[in-house]
Amino acid sequence: AVTDDGNLWAWGHNNLFQCGFGSQTELIFPRPTLIPHSEIFISVMAGVNFSLALAQNGYVWSFGDNSRGQLGVGDTSVREI
């Protein structure tokens, strides 16, 4: 979720780091991601075991499962953040 002030929070199944929290702990309650709080987000999308977040500056953050290259980083490695 993106908060009114542009921070990124996540929760849920997190076996492939898809919550951007830096661990594989399942998150029952919303928590802020480990993405630097200097980033201001305007949108977030959750896929099957991965997430994408669009920052106000146009930068896209991607993390989680990347087995099919869905993170758009040019490889198939799982990304923590």
C-alpha atoms as a PDB file:
ATOM      1  CA  ALA A   1       0.000   0.000   0.000  1.00  0.00           C
ATOM      2  CA  VAL A   2       1.064   3.576  -0.600  1.00  0.00           C
ATOM      3  CA  THR A   3       0.281   5.922   2.280  1.00  0.00           C
ATOM      4  CA  ASP A   4      -0.972   9.488   1.808  1.00  0.00           C
ATOM      5  CA  ASP A   5       2.565  10.773   2.381  1.00  0.00           C
ATOM      6  CA  GLY A   6       4.081   8.445  -0.260  1.00  0.00           C
ATOM      7  CA  ASN A   7       5.566   5.752   1.972  1.00  0.00           C
ATOM      8  CA  LEU A   8       5.358   2.099   0.966  1.00  0.00           C
ATOM      9  CA  TRP A   9       3.911  -0.492   3.373  1.00  0.00           C
ATOM     10  CA  ALA A  10       3.448  -4.222   2.831  1.00  0.00           C
ATOM     11  CA  TRP A  11       2.061  -7.353   4.481  1.00  0.00           C
ATOM     12  CA  GLY A  12       1.222 -10.934   3.642  1.00  0.00           C
ATOM     13  CA  HIS A  13       2.994 -14.042   2.437  1.00  0.00           C
ATOM     14  CA  ASN A  14       6.657 -13.168   2.064  1.00  0.00           C
ATOM     15  CA  ASN A  15       8.485 -16.385   1.163  1.00  0.00           C
ATOM     16  CA  LEU A  16      10.361 -14.760  -1.745  1.00  0.00           C
ATOM     17  CA  PHE A  17      10.941 -11.304  -0.214  1.00  0.00           C
ATOM     18  CA  GLN A  18       7.938  -9.898  -2.103  1.00  0.00           C
ATOM     19  CA  CYS A  19       7.028  -7.551   0.756  1.00  0.00           C
ATOM     20  CA  GLY A  20      10.283  -5.584   0.489  1.00  0.00           C
ATOM     21  CA  PHE A  21      11.018  -6.175   4.144  1.00  0.00           C
ATOM     22  CA  GLY A  22      14.451  -7.815   3.776  1.00  0.00           C
ATOM     23  CA  SER A  23      13.478 -11.146   5.316  1.00  0.00           C
ATOM     24  CA  GLN A  24      11.180 -14.022   4.453  1.00  0.00           C
ATOM     25  CA  THR A  25       9.004 -13.575   7.543  1.00  0.00           C
ATOM     26  CA  GLU A  26       5.271 -13.560   6.852  1.00  0.00           C
ATOM     27  CA  LEU A  27       3.826 -10.182   7.760  1.00  0.00           C
ATOM     28  CA  ILE A  28       0.424 -10.378   9.403  1.00  0.00           C
ATOM     29  CA  PHE A  29       0.142  -6.618   9.899  1.00  0.00           C
ATOM     30  CA  PRO A  30       1.244  -3.805   7.557  1.00  0.00           C
ATOM     31  CA  ARG A  31       4.853  -2.664   8.021  1.00  0.00           C
ATOM     32  CA  PRO A  32       6.990  -0.130   6.198  1.00  0.00           C
ATOM     33  CA  THR A  33       9.283  -1.584   3.554  1.00  0.00           C
ATOM     34  CA  LEU A  34      13.047  -1.185   3.760  1.00  0.00           C
ATOM     35  CA  ILE A  35      13.103   1.079   0.718  1.00  0.00           C
ATOM     36  CA  PRO A  36      14.670   4.408   1.721  1.00  0.00           C
ATOM     37  CA  HIS A  37      12.033   6.769   3.081  1.00  0.00           C
ATOM     38  CA  SER A  38      13.444   9.533   0.912  1.00  0.00           C
ATOM     39  CA  GLU A  39      11.553   7.895  -1.979  1.00  0.00           C
ATOM     40  CA  ILE A  40       7.989   9.091  -2.516  1.00  0.00           C
ATOM     41  CA  PHE A  41       5.752   6.488  -4.104  1.00  0.00           C
ATOM     42  CA  ILE A  42       2.686   7.045  -6.218  1.00  0.00           C
ATOM     43  CA  SER A  43       1.674   3.475  -7.100  1.00  0.00           C
ATOM     44  CA  VAL A  44       2.301  -0.151  -6.150  1.00  0.00           C
ATOM     45  CA  MET A  45       1.398  -3.466  -7.788  1.00  0.00           C
ATOM     46  CA  ALA A  46       1.555  -6.963  -6.325  1.00  0.00           C
ATOM     47  CA  GLY A  47       1.869 -10.007  -8.562  1.00  0.00           C
ATOM     48  CA  VAL A  48       2.267 -13.669  -7.699  1.00  0.00           C
ATOM     49  CA  ASN A  49       5.209 -13.527  -5.242  1.00  0.00           C
ATOM     50  CA  PHE A  50       6.605 -10.217  -6.519  1.00  0.00           C
ATOM     51  CA  SER A  51       5.932  -6.504  -6.198  1.00  0.00           C
ATOM     52  CA  LEU A  52       6.572  -3.379  -8.256  1.00  0.00           C
ATOM     53  CA  ALA A  53       6.436   0.156  -6.923  1.00  0.00           C
ATOM     54  CA  LEU A  54       6.542   3.395  -8.910  1.00  0.00           C
ATOM     55  CA  ALA A  55       8.302   6.331  -7.272  1.00  0.00           C
ATOM     56  CA  GLN A  56       7.376   9.944  -7.942  1.00  0.00           C
ATOM     57  CA  ASN A  57      10.750  10.431  -9.694  1.00  0.00           C
ATOM     58  CA  GLY A  58       9.830   7.733 -12.253  1.00  0.00           C
ATOM     59  CA  TYR A  59      12.082   5.055 -10.769  1.00  0.00           C
ATOM     60  CA  VAL A  60      10.498   1.580 -10.507  1.00  0.00           C
ATOM     61  CA  TRP A  61      11.434  -0.607  -7.548  1.00  0.00           C
ATOM     62  CA  SER A  62      10.935  -4.354  -8.013  1.00  0.00           C
ATOM     63  CA  PHE A  63      11.412  -7.184  -5.539  1.00  0.00           C
ATOM     64  CA  GLY A  64      10.463 -10.792  -4.893  1.00  0.00           C
ATOM     65  CA  ASP A  65      10.225 -13.747  -7.272  1.00  0.00           C
ATOM     66  CA  ASN A  66      11.955 -13.188 -10.581  1.00  0.00           C
ATOM     67  CA  SER A  67      12.015 -16.742 -11.944  1.00  0.00           C
ATOM     68  CA  ARG A  68      10.535 -15.578 -15.261  1.00  0.00           C
ATOM     69  CA  GLY A  69      12.208 -12.185 -15.411  1.00  0.00           C
ATOM     70  CA  GLN A  70       9.064 -10.418 -14.199  1.00  0.00           C
ATOM     71  CA  LEU A  71      11.060  -7.839 -12.234  1.00  0.00           C
ATOM     72  CA  GLY A  72      12.549  -6.402 -15.411  1.00  0.00           C
ATOM     73  CA  VAL A  73      16.155  -6.389 -14.193  1.00  0.00           C
ATOM     74  CA  GLY A  74      17.684  -8.561 -16.930  1.00  0.00           C
ATOM     75  CA  ASP A  75      18.114 -11.812 -15.005  1.00  0.00           C
ATOM     76  CA  THR A  76      16.074 -14.374 -13.059  1.00  0.00           C
ATOM     77  CA  SER A  77      17.462 -13.910  -9.534  1.00  0.00           C
ATOM     78  CA  VAL A  78      15.172 -13.346  -6.550  1.00  0.00           C
ATOM     79  CA  ARG A  79      15.482  -9.749  -5.300  1.00  0.00           C
ATOM     80  CA  GLU A  80      15.145  -8.749  -1.652  1.00  0.00           C
ATOM     81  CA  ILE A  81      14.798  -5.064  -2.487  1.00  0.00           C
END
